[in-house]
N, C-alpha and C. Protein backbone atom coordinates (compact mmCIF):
# COMPACT_ATOMS: atom_id res chain seq x y z
N UNK A 1 -20.99 57.42 -35.70
CA UNK A 1 -21.23 55.72 -36.92
C UNK A 1 -19.88 55.80 -36.60
N UNK A 2 -19.20 54.57 -36.27
CA UNK A 2 -17.73 53.79 -36.83
C UNK A 2 -17.09 53.92 -38.23
N UNK A 3 -18.26 53.81 -38.66
CA UNK A 3 -17.09 53.78 -40.74
C UNK A 3 -17.19 54.48 -40.51
N UNK A 4 -17.80 56.59 -40.32
CA UNK A 4 -17.22 57.42 -40.85
C UNK A 4 -16.10 57.64 -39.98
N UNK A 5 -15.54 57.54 -39.60
CA UNK A 5 -14.16 57.33 -39.06
C UNK A 5 -13.17 56.98 -39.69
N UNK A 6 -13.54 56.28 -40.99
CA UNK A 6 -12.61 55.54 -41.37
C UNK A 6 -12.23 55.91 -42.98
N UNK A 7 -11.55 56.12 -43.17
CA UNK A 7 -11.39 57.11 -44.49
C UNK A 7 -11.86 56.54 -45.13
N UNK A 8 -11.62 56.26 -46.85
CA UNK A 8 -12.60 55.69 -47.99
C UNK A 8 -11.04 54.99 -48.22
N UNK A 9 -9.98 55.58 -48.14
CA UNK A 9 -9.04 54.85 -48.90
C UNK A 9 -8.50 53.68 -48.13
N UNK A 10 -8.77 53.64 -46.25
CA UNK A 10 -8.70 52.79 -45.68
C UNK A 10 -9.72 52.02 -45.85
N UNK A 11 -10.69 51.63 -46.09
CA UNK A 11 -11.86 50.89 -46.00
C UNK A 11 -11.05 49.86 -47.59
N UNK A 12 -10.84 51.09 -48.34
CA UNK A 12 -10.16 50.24 -49.55
C UNK A 12 -9.74 49.30 -49.56
N UNK A 13 -8.72 49.43 -48.88
CA UNK A 13 -7.02 48.83 -48.56
C UNK A 13 -7.93 47.35 -47.57
N UNK A 14 -8.17 47.45 -46.85
CA UNK A 14 -9.72 46.55 -46.45
C UNK A 14 -9.79 45.68 -47.02
N UNK A 15 -10.40 45.95 -48.10
CA UNK A 15 -10.78 44.78 -48.79
C UNK A 15 -10.41 44.72 -50.12
N UNK A 16 -9.51 45.30 -50.30
CA UNK A 16 -7.76 44.92 -50.81
C UNK A 16 -8.01 43.84 -50.58
N UNK A 17 -7.32 43.75 -49.35
CA UNK A 17 -6.70 42.57 -48.81
C UNK A 17 -7.59 41.37 -47.87
N UNK A 18 -8.81 41.79 -48.46
CA UNK A 18 -9.72 40.72 -48.57
C UNK A 18 -10.06 39.70 -49.40
N UNK A 19 -9.76 40.33 -50.49
CA UNK A 19 -9.68 40.09 -51.85
C UNK A 19 -8.87 39.44 -52.32
N UNK A 20 -7.11 39.95 -52.14
CA UNK A 20 -6.29 39.17 -52.19
C UNK A 20 -6.17 37.75 -51.21
N UNK A 21 -6.53 38.40 -49.80
CA UNK A 21 -7.08 36.25 -49.28
C UNK A 21 -7.83 35.34 -50.39
N UNK A 22 -9.22 36.24 -51.21
CA UNK A 22 -9.89 34.95 -51.47
C UNK A 22 -9.08 34.68 -52.80
N UNK A 23 -8.63 35.33 -53.20
CA UNK A 23 -7.72 35.15 -54.62
C UNK A 23 -6.44 33.38 -55.10
N UNK A 24 -6.10 33.91 -53.70
CA UNK A 24 -5.05 33.20 -53.34
C UNK A 24 -6.04 31.64 -53.02
N UNK A 25 -6.98 32.04 -52.27
CA UNK A 25 -7.67 30.33 -52.15
C UNK A 25 -8.31 30.49 -53.04
N UNK A 26 -8.96 30.88 -54.35
CA UNK A 26 -9.12 30.59 -55.83
C UNK A 26 -8.17 29.79 -56.33
N UNK A 27 -6.00 30.23 -56.44
CA UNK A 27 -5.55 29.53 -56.87
C UNK A 27 -5.13 28.55 -56.76
N UNK A 28 -5.39 28.10 -54.89
CA UNK A 28 -5.50 26.37 -54.48
C UNK A 28 -6.80 25.90 -55.06
N UNK A 29 -8.42 26.67 -55.30
CA UNK A 29 -8.84 25.19 -55.57
C UNK A 29 -9.18 25.31 -57.08
N UNK A 30 -8.41 26.27 -58.11
CA UNK A 30 -8.43 26.44 -58.78
C UNK A 30 -7.43 25.28 -59.60
N UNK A 31 -5.92 25.35 -58.28
CA UNK A 31 -4.90 24.22 -58.95
C UNK A 31 -5.81 22.24 -59.00
N UNK A 32 -6.27 22.31 -57.88
CA UNK A 32 -7.09 21.59 -56.87
C UNK A 32 -8.44 20.91 -57.83
N UNK A 33 -8.66 21.56 -59.04
CA UNK A 33 -9.86 21.42 -60.12
C UNK A 33 -11.19 21.21 -59.02
N UNK A 34 -10.91 22.55 -58.01
CA UNK A 34 -12.87 22.43 -57.47
C UNK A 34 -12.92 20.78 -57.07
N UNK A 35 -11.98 20.37 -56.92
CA UNK A 35 -12.69 18.41 -56.50
C UNK A 35 -12.41 18.88 -54.97
N UNK A 36 -13.97 18.39 -54.67
CA UNK A 36 -14.30 17.43 -52.91
C UNK A 36 -13.09 17.14 -51.99
N UNK A 37 -11.89 16.24 -52.93
CA UNK A 37 -11.23 15.31 -51.85
C UNK A 37 -9.82 16.56 -51.70
N UNK A 38 -9.78 17.80 -52.27
CA UNK A 38 -8.62 18.50 -52.28
C UNK A 38 -9.53 19.40 -50.62
N UNK A 39 -10.81 19.58 -49.51
CA UNK A 39 -11.04 19.78 -48.91
C UNK A 39 -9.42 20.01 -47.64
N UNK A 40 -9.06 19.35 -47.69
CA UNK A 40 -7.91 19.50 -46.39
C UNK A 40 -6.84 20.82 -46.92
N UNK A 41 -6.25 20.28 -48.30
CA UNK A 41 -5.55 21.43 -48.71
C UNK A 41 -6.14 22.47 -49.08
N UNK A 42 -7.38 23.20 -49.08
CA UNK A 42 -8.23 23.66 -49.17
C UNK A 42 -8.35 25.07 -47.80
N UNK A 43 -8.69 23.83 -46.69
CA UNK A 43 -8.70 24.54 -46.00
C UNK A 43 -7.51 25.12 -45.18
N UNK A 44 -6.29 24.70 -45.61
CA UNK A 44 -4.62 24.77 -44.86
C UNK A 44 -4.53 26.00 -45.82
N UNK A 45 -5.26 26.12 -46.81
CA UNK A 45 -4.94 26.98 -47.20
C UNK A 45 -5.90 28.62 -47.09
N UNK A 46 -6.55 27.97 -46.69
CA UNK A 46 -8.15 29.09 -45.79
C UNK A 46 -7.27 29.55 -44.62
N UNK A 47 -6.76 29.21 -43.85
CA UNK A 47 -6.11 29.29 -43.07
C UNK A 47 -5.34 29.89 -42.75
N UNK A 48 -3.69 29.99 -44.10
CA UNK A 48 -2.46 30.47 -44.26
C UNK A 48 -3.49 31.83 -44.41
N UNK A 49 -4.40 32.14 -45.55
CA UNK A 49 -4.66 33.30 -45.94
C UNK A 49 -5.55 34.01 -44.77
N UNK A 50 -6.21 33.12 -44.17
CA UNK A 50 -7.64 34.33 -42.90
C UNK A 50 -6.81 34.55 -41.12
N UNK A 51 -5.92 33.55 -40.76
CA UNK A 51 -5.76 33.40 -39.67
C UNK A 51 -6.21 32.35 -39.37
N UNK A 52 -7.26 32.64 -39.51
CA UNK A 52 -8.85 31.62 -38.76
C UNK A 52 -9.82 30.36 -39.72
N UNK A 53 -10.46 30.19 -39.35
CA UNK A 53 -11.61 29.62 -40.41
C UNK A 53 -13.21 29.82 -40.05
N UNK A 54 -12.99 31.20 -40.67
CA UNK A 54 -14.30 31.73 -40.10
C UNK A 54 -15.33 31.72 -40.86
N UNK A 55 -16.81 31.50 -40.76
CA UNK A 55 -18.50 31.12 -41.41
C UNK A 55 -18.03 31.23 -42.35
N UNK A 56 -18.05 32.75 -42.85
CA UNK A 56 -18.16 32.87 -44.56
C UNK A 56 -16.96 32.37 -45.12
N UNK A 57 -16.10 32.28 -44.56
CA UNK A 57 -14.37 31.04 -45.87
C UNK A 57 -15.20 30.30 -45.61
N UNK A 58 -15.96 29.44 -44.48
CA UNK A 58 -16.09 27.78 -44.35
C UNK A 58 -17.24 27.55 -45.32
N UNK A 59 -18.25 28.57 -46.00
CA UNK A 59 -19.47 28.44 -46.82
C UNK A 59 -18.97 28.77 -48.17
N UNK A 60 -18.16 29.81 -47.87
CA UNK A 60 -17.50 29.96 -49.64
C UNK A 60 -16.83 28.45 -50.02
N UNK A 61 -16.35 27.99 -49.27
CA UNK A 61 -15.03 26.77 -48.92
C UNK A 61 -16.17 25.34 -49.73
N UNK A 62 -17.73 25.76 -48.76
CA UNK A 62 -18.28 24.57 -49.13
C UNK A 62 -19.42 24.96 -50.66
N UNK A 63 -19.19 26.33 -50.63
CA UNK A 63 -20.15 26.67 -52.53
C UNK A 63 -18.79 25.87 -54.03
N UNK A 64 -17.74 25.98 -53.43
CA UNK A 64 -16.56 26.07 -54.25
C UNK A 64 -16.54 24.48 -54.64
N UNK A 65 -16.69 23.47 -53.74
CA UNK A 65 -16.46 22.36 -53.65
C UNK A 65 -17.51 21.16 -53.96
N UNK A 66 -18.58 22.21 -54.13
CA UNK A 66 -19.86 21.74 -54.34
C UNK A 66 -19.72 20.53 -52.60
N UNK A 67 -19.89 21.02 -51.60
CA UNK A 67 -19.93 20.18 -50.53
C UNK A 67 -21.01 20.67 -49.59
N UNK A 68 -21.56 19.96 -48.80
CA UNK A 68 -22.66 20.65 -48.00
C UNK A 68 -21.91 21.54 -47.13
N UNK A 69 -22.23 22.65 -46.16
CA UNK A 69 -21.58 23.08 -45.09
C UNK A 69 -20.80 22.01 -44.10
N UNK A 70 -22.14 21.31 -44.10
CA UNK A 70 -21.98 20.90 -42.25
C UNK A 70 -20.78 19.72 -42.87
N UNK A 71 -20.46 19.46 -43.75
CA UNK A 71 -18.95 18.40 -44.02
C UNK A 71 -17.49 18.79 -44.01
N UNK A 72 -18.01 20.65 -44.39
CA UNK A 72 -17.25 20.75 -44.51
C UNK A 72 -16.51 21.74 -42.88
N UNK A 73 -17.41 21.39 -42.48
CA UNK A 73 -17.93 22.39 -40.67
C UNK A 73 -16.50 21.39 -39.90
N UNK A 74 -17.55 19.96 -40.51
CA UNK A 74 -16.66 18.79 -39.03
C UNK A 74 -15.71 18.29 -39.68
N UNK A 75 -15.29 18.71 -40.43
CA UNK A 75 -13.57 18.87 -41.12
C UNK A 75 -13.20 19.39 -40.19
N UNK A 76 -12.88 21.09 -40.43
CA UNK A 76 -12.44 21.46 -40.42
C UNK A 76 -12.51 21.95 -38.39
N UNK A 77 -13.56 21.29 -37.90
CA UNK A 77 -13.61 21.16 -35.96
C UNK A 77 -12.85 19.73 -35.62
N UNK A 78 -12.85 18.79 -36.54
CA UNK A 78 -12.60 17.52 -36.33
C UNK A 78 -10.79 17.25 -36.14
N UNK A 79 -9.81 18.67 -37.32
CA UNK A 79 -8.46 18.58 -36.80
C UNK A 79 -8.14 19.48 -35.71
N UNK A 80 -7.21 19.57 -35.03
CA UNK A 80 -7.00 20.26 -33.92
C UNK A 80 -6.14 21.05 -34.78
N UNK A 81 -5.42 20.82 -36.25
CA UNK A 81 -4.73 22.00 -36.47
C UNK A 81 -5.26 23.25 -37.38
N UNK A 82 -6.99 23.23 -37.61
CA UNK A 82 -7.42 24.04 -37.40
C UNK A 82 -8.27 24.85 -36.44
N UNK A 83 -8.28 26.36 -37.00
CA UNK A 83 -9.28 27.31 -35.95
C UNK A 83 -10.27 27.95 -36.41
N UNK A 84 -11.48 27.81 -35.74
CA UNK A 84 -12.46 28.46 -36.01
C UNK A 84 -12.57 29.82 -35.77
N UNK A 85 -11.66 30.12 -34.80
CA UNK A 85 -11.28 31.50 -34.23
C UNK A 85 -10.63 32.01 -33.84
N UNK A 86 -10.30 33.47 -34.00
CA UNK A 86 -8.99 33.96 -33.90
C UNK A 86 -7.92 33.39 -32.62
N UNK A 87 -6.68 32.85 -33.06
CA UNK A 87 -5.90 32.57 -32.10
C UNK A 87 -4.97 33.53 -31.54
N UNK A 88 -4.45 33.05 -30.65
CA UNK A 88 -3.39 34.65 -30.08
C UNK A 88 -2.34 33.87 -30.25
N UNK A 89 -1.67 34.94 -29.88
CA UNK A 89 0.72 34.83 -30.79
C UNK A 89 0.50 33.01 -30.69
N UNK A 90 0.97 32.55 -29.59
CA UNK A 90 1.25 31.29 -28.99
C UNK A 90 -0.21 29.77 -28.85
N UNK A 91 0.15 28.58 -29.29
CA UNK A 91 -0.84 27.78 -29.12
C UNK A 91 -0.36 27.21 -28.91
N UNK A 92 -1.26 26.58 -26.78
CA UNK A 92 -0.88 25.41 -26.12
C UNK A 92 -1.50 24.03 -26.93
N UNK A 93 -1.03 23.50 -26.74
CA UNK A 93 -2.26 22.07 -27.10
C UNK A 93 -1.92 21.32 -26.53
N UNK A 94 -2.38 20.71 -25.52
CA UNK A 94 -2.49 19.59 -24.51
C UNK A 94 -3.32 18.25 -25.32
N UNK A 95 -2.65 17.65 -25.24
CA UNK A 95 -2.78 15.91 -25.54
C UNK A 95 -3.89 15.39 -24.60
N UNK A 96 -5.50 14.92 -24.90
CA UNK A 96 -6.06 14.34 -24.22
C UNK A 96 -6.14 12.79 -24.86
N UNK A 97 -4.94 12.36 -24.91
CA UNK A 97 -5.53 10.59 -25.33
C UNK A 97 -5.43 9.93 -24.71
N UNK A 98 -5.94 8.78 -24.65
CA UNK A 98 -5.55 8.08 -23.71
C UNK A 98 -4.48 7.66 -22.74
N UNK A 99 -2.62 7.25 -22.97
CA UNK A 99 -1.75 7.05 -22.77
C UNK A 99 -1.46 8.82 -21.87
N UNK A 100 -1.47 9.86 -22.69
CA UNK A 100 -1.36 11.18 -22.04
C UNK A 100 -2.98 10.80 -21.17
N UNK A 101 -3.77 11.23 -21.00
CA UNK A 101 -4.69 11.33 -20.28
C UNK A 101 -4.67 10.27 -18.58
N UNK A 102 -4.28 9.33 -18.59
CA UNK A 102 -3.93 8.28 -17.73
C UNK A 102 -2.07 8.96 -16.75
N UNK A 103 -1.46 9.30 -17.54
CA UNK A 103 -0.02 9.66 -16.86
C UNK A 103 -0.63 12.08 -16.22
N UNK A 104 -2.29 11.56 -16.42
CA UNK A 104 -1.78 12.58 -15.76
C UNK A 104 -2.29 14.58 -16.70
N UNK A 105 -2.43 14.10 -17.96
CA UNK A 105 -2.99 15.35 -19.08
C UNK A 105 -4.01 15.97 -18.30
N UNK A 106 -5.42 15.02 -18.07
CA UNK A 106 -6.10 15.95 -17.58
C UNK A 106 -5.90 17.40 -16.06
N UNK A 107 -5.10 17.06 -15.73
CA UNK A 107 -4.38 17.63 -14.54
C UNK A 107 -3.81 18.74 -15.11
N UNK A 108 -3.25 18.73 -15.57
CA UNK A 108 -1.89 20.08 -16.92
C UNK A 108 -3.15 20.05 -17.20
N UNK A 109 -4.27 19.85 -18.07
CA UNK A 109 -5.34 21.03 -18.54
C UNK A 109 -5.82 22.09 -17.52
N UNK A 110 -5.89 20.86 -15.81
CA UNK A 110 -6.46 21.87 -15.23
C UNK A 110 -5.92 22.99 -14.92
N UNK A 111 -4.17 22.94 -14.45
CA UNK A 111 -3.64 23.81 -13.90
C UNK A 111 -3.45 24.97 -15.17
N UNK A 112 -3.05 24.61 -16.17
CA UNK A 112 -3.21 25.77 -17.32
C UNK A 112 -4.77 26.39 -17.79
N UNK A 113 -5.06 25.98 -17.66
CA UNK A 113 -6.85 27.28 -17.35
C UNK A 113 -7.26 27.49 -15.76
N UNK A 114 -5.91 26.82 -15.35
CA UNK A 114 -6.30 27.90 -13.93
C UNK A 114 -5.34 28.77 -13.80
N UNK A 115 -3.96 28.81 -13.91
CA UNK A 115 -3.28 29.75 -14.38
C UNK A 115 -3.14 31.04 -15.31
N UNK A 116 -3.93 30.48 -16.75
CA UNK A 116 -4.68 31.68 -17.75
C UNK A 116 -5.31 32.06 -17.35
N UNK A 117 -6.38 31.69 -16.73
CA UNK A 117 -7.71 32.10 -16.63
C UNK A 117 -8.18 32.45 -17.88
N UNK A 118 -8.43 31.10 -18.86
CA UNK A 118 -9.00 30.20 -19.55
C UNK A 118 -9.83 29.36 -19.55
N UNK A 119 -10.92 29.05 -20.14
CA UNK A 119 -11.02 27.59 -20.44
C UNK A 119 -10.42 26.63 -21.59
N UNK A 120 -10.31 25.90 -22.19
CA UNK A 120 -9.90 24.68 -22.87
C UNK A 120 -10.82 25.39 -24.50
N UNK A 121 -10.38 26.15 -25.45
CA UNK A 121 -10.32 26.30 -26.86
C UNK A 121 -10.61 27.93 -26.56
N UNK A 122 -10.10 27.90 -25.63
CA UNK A 122 -10.65 30.41 -25.49
C UNK A 122 -8.59 30.44 -25.56
N UNK A 123 -8.85 32.04 -25.71
CA UNK A 123 -7.62 32.83 -25.82
C UNK A 123 -7.11 33.40 -24.78
N UNK A 124 -6.81 33.77 -24.31
CA UNK A 124 -6.70 34.71 -23.13
C UNK A 124 -6.70 36.49 -23.72
N UNK A 125 -7.13 37.17 -22.49
CA UNK A 125 -7.80 38.36 -22.69
C UNK A 125 -6.28 39.39 -23.31
N UNK A 126 -5.13 39.06 -23.27
CA UNK A 126 -3.92 40.17 -24.00
C UNK A 126 -4.18 39.02 -25.33
N UNK A 127 -4.67 37.81 -25.64
CA UNK A 127 -4.87 37.56 -27.24
C UNK A 127 -3.13 37.19 -27.36
N UNK A 128 -2.40 36.70 -26.58
CA UNK A 128 -1.40 36.03 -26.02
C UNK A 128 -0.98 34.36 -26.18
N UNK A 129 -2.46 34.00 -25.81
CA UNK A 129 -2.14 32.05 -25.78
C UNK A 129 -3.27 31.43 -25.63
N UNK A 130 -3.64 30.68 -27.02
CA UNK A 130 -4.86 29.96 -26.73
C UNK A 130 -4.66 28.90 -26.02
N UNK A 131 -4.91 28.24 -25.60
CA UNK A 131 -5.41 26.76 -24.70
C UNK A 131 -6.73 25.37 -25.05
N UNK A 132 -5.63 25.38 -26.07
CA UNK A 132 -6.32 23.62 -26.90
C UNK A 132 -5.69 22.37 -26.52
N UNK A 133 -6.92 21.86 -26.87
CA UNK A 133 -6.35 20.54 -26.49
C UNK A 133 -7.13 19.53 -27.78
N UNK A 134 -5.97 18.27 -27.80
CA UNK A 134 -6.41 17.76 -28.95
C UNK A 134 -6.79 15.74 -28.68
N UNK A 135 -7.88 15.65 -29.71
CA UNK A 135 -7.95 13.82 -28.61
C UNK A 135 -6.75 13.25 -29.10
N UNK A 136 -5.41 13.32 -30.13
CA UNK A 136 -4.88 12.26 -29.81
C UNK A 136 -3.33 13.27 -30.98
N UNK A 137 -2.18 13.52 -30.28
CA UNK A 137 -1.33 13.92 -31.49
C UNK A 137 -0.19 13.08 -31.77
N UNK A 138 -0.54 11.54 -30.64
CA UNK A 138 0.35 10.32 -31.57
C UNK A 138 1.65 10.42 -30.66
N UNK A 139 1.33 10.91 -30.07
CA UNK A 139 2.84 10.86 -29.04
C UNK A 139 2.32 10.25 -27.72
N UNK A 140 2.05 8.77 -28.16
CA UNK A 140 1.64 8.19 -26.94
C UNK A 140 3.38 7.63 -25.51
N UNK A 141 4.43 7.36 -26.08
CA UNK A 141 5.51 6.88 -25.88
C UNK A 141 6.12 8.23 -25.30
N UNK A 142 5.85 9.47 -25.04
CA UNK A 142 6.56 10.68 -24.26
C UNK A 142 5.50 11.26 -23.49
N UNK A 143 4.23 9.96 -23.01
CA UNK A 143 2.72 10.79 -22.61
C UNK A 143 3.33 11.55 -21.14
N UNK A 144 2.63 12.46 -21.08
CA UNK A 144 1.60 12.76 -21.34
C UNK A 144 2.55 14.38 -22.01
N UNK A 145 1.34 14.76 -23.41
CA UNK A 145 2.41 15.60 -24.41
C UNK A 145 1.68 17.02 -24.35
N UNK A 146 2.71 17.70 -24.72
CA UNK A 146 1.88 19.89 -24.94
C UNK A 146 2.91 19.84 -26.48
N UNK A 147 1.37 20.20 -26.64
CA UNK A 147 2.21 21.24 -28.16
C UNK A 147 2.37 22.82 -27.82
N UNK A 148 3.28 23.33 -27.91
CA UNK A 148 3.40 24.86 -28.07
C UNK A 148 4.22 25.19 -28.62
N UNK A 149 3.54 26.26 -29.71
CA UNK A 149 4.66 27.10 -30.42
C UNK A 149 4.66 25.78 -31.64
N UNK A 150 3.60 24.43 -31.94
CA UNK A 150 4.52 23.38 -32.67
C UNK A 150 5.50 22.88 -32.80
N UNK A 151 6.32 22.81 -31.15
CA UNK A 151 6.96 22.05 -30.27
C UNK A 151 6.72 21.00 -29.40
N UNK A 152 6.41 19.59 -30.10
CA UNK A 152 6.29 18.82 -29.19
C UNK A 152 6.87 18.97 -27.96
N UNK A 153 6.43 18.87 -26.38
CA UNK A 153 7.22 18.06 -25.58
C UNK A 153 6.29 17.09 -25.14
N UNK A 154 7.32 15.59 -24.57
CA UNK A 154 7.07 14.60 -23.78
C UNK A 154 7.64 14.79 -22.37
N UNK A 155 6.63 13.95 -21.28
CA UNK A 155 6.80 14.09 -20.01
C UNK A 155 6.76 14.71 -19.69
N UNK A 156 5.48 15.57 -19.83
CA UNK A 156 4.77 16.91 -19.38
C UNK A 156 4.56 16.44 -17.48
N UNK A 157 4.82 17.96 -16.84
CA UNK A 157 3.96 17.57 -15.45
C UNK A 157 2.83 19.51 -16.15
N UNK A 158 2.25 20.00 -14.88
CA UNK A 158 1.64 20.74 -15.15
C UNK A 158 2.84 21.77 -14.88
N UNK A 159 3.77 22.01 -14.16
CA UNK A 159 4.76 23.04 -13.67
C UNK A 159 5.51 22.93 -14.47
N UNK A 160 6.25 22.39 -15.28
CA UNK A 160 6.47 21.86 -17.18
C UNK A 160 5.93 22.64 -17.49
N UNK A 161 4.50 22.86 -17.61
CA UNK A 161 4.06 23.26 -19.02
C UNK A 161 3.45 24.77 -18.87
N UNK A 162 3.16 24.89 -17.45
CA UNK A 162 2.93 26.38 -17.34
C UNK A 162 4.11 27.03 -17.77
N UNK A 163 5.48 26.03 -16.84
CA UNK A 163 6.88 27.50 -17.14
C UNK A 163 7.03 28.12 -18.41
N UNK A 164 6.45 26.25 -19.47
CA UNK A 164 6.74 26.91 -20.57
C UNK A 164 5.89 27.95 -21.62
N UNK A 165 4.47 27.48 -21.40
CA UNK A 165 3.94 28.76 -21.35
C UNK A 165 4.14 30.42 -20.71
N UNK A 166 4.17 30.66 -19.87
CA UNK A 166 4.86 31.59 -19.46
C UNK A 166 6.16 32.12 -19.80
N UNK A 167 7.21 30.62 -20.48
CA UNK A 167 8.06 31.98 -20.90
C UNK A 167 7.72 32.68 -22.37
N UNK A 168 6.90 31.87 -23.27
CA UNK A 168 6.79 32.78 -24.25
C UNK A 168 5.44 33.47 -23.87
N UNK A 169 5.30 33.93 -23.24
CA UNK A 169 3.98 35.28 -23.40
C UNK A 169 5.02 36.70 -23.52
N UNK A 170 4.51 36.97 -24.14
CA UNK A 170 5.59 38.29 -23.76
C UNK A 170 4.31 39.88 -22.69
N UNK A 171 5.52 40.11 -21.66
CA UNK A 171 5.10 40.89 -20.84
C UNK A 171 4.35 41.94 -21.30
N UNK A 172 2.98 42.45 -20.20
CA UNK A 172 1.98 43.50 -20.96
C UNK A 172 2.61 44.61 -19.95
N UNK A 173 3.15 45.88 -20.83
CA UNK A 173 3.03 47.41 -20.12
C UNK A 173 2.66 48.59 -20.01
N UNK A 174 2.79 48.52 -18.72
CA UNK A 174 0.98 49.66 -18.37
C UNK A 174 1.14 50.41 -19.56
N UNK A 175 0.35 50.54 -19.03
CA UNK A 175 -0.05 52.11 -20.73
C UNK A 175 -0.66 51.19 -21.92
N UNK A 176 0.45 49.89 -22.13
CA UNK A 176 -0.76 49.40 -23.94
C UNK A 176 -1.35 47.73 -23.79
N UNK A 177 -2.42 47.50 -24.30
CA UNK A 177 -2.82 46.58 -24.72
C UNK A 177 -4.43 46.76 -22.94
N UNK A 178 -4.55 48.12 -23.45
CA UNK A 178 -5.70 48.73 -22.84
C UNK A 178 -6.66 48.75 -23.33
């Protein structure tokens, strides 16, 4: 069994880390008096603590705020800032709002999918890039817009977006990442 290969102290430290993350979340819940209208703030704190919003965390939040899980999941899945899966070291978000789409965002996304060999919503196998899309970034005046690591770039082309993504990607050295 895999569990037998881990020392009890290592298992304990993983549990402590998990408990600490929940304690951090509990502080936010308590500060907001477990009010349902604090959902977005609590989701932000959960993502900051856990790295992404896994199902168990969403269930915990729903229970603590006395909200249906469907509402918590609905909010978490609606906003592009929340991740329901672990994300890569870098996040690339292509805006698919009307202005961006009309100016070529669909083609930018297709080229990024081809180059990275992933579909939107996935992370490259090396864990470097998560490719995402957003309904609208509110950057219509600079369409098409692409966000790379929280930096919005406007008037993008497939080539400029691919170049930007490749510039942040860490090369895999032979023997590493296997």
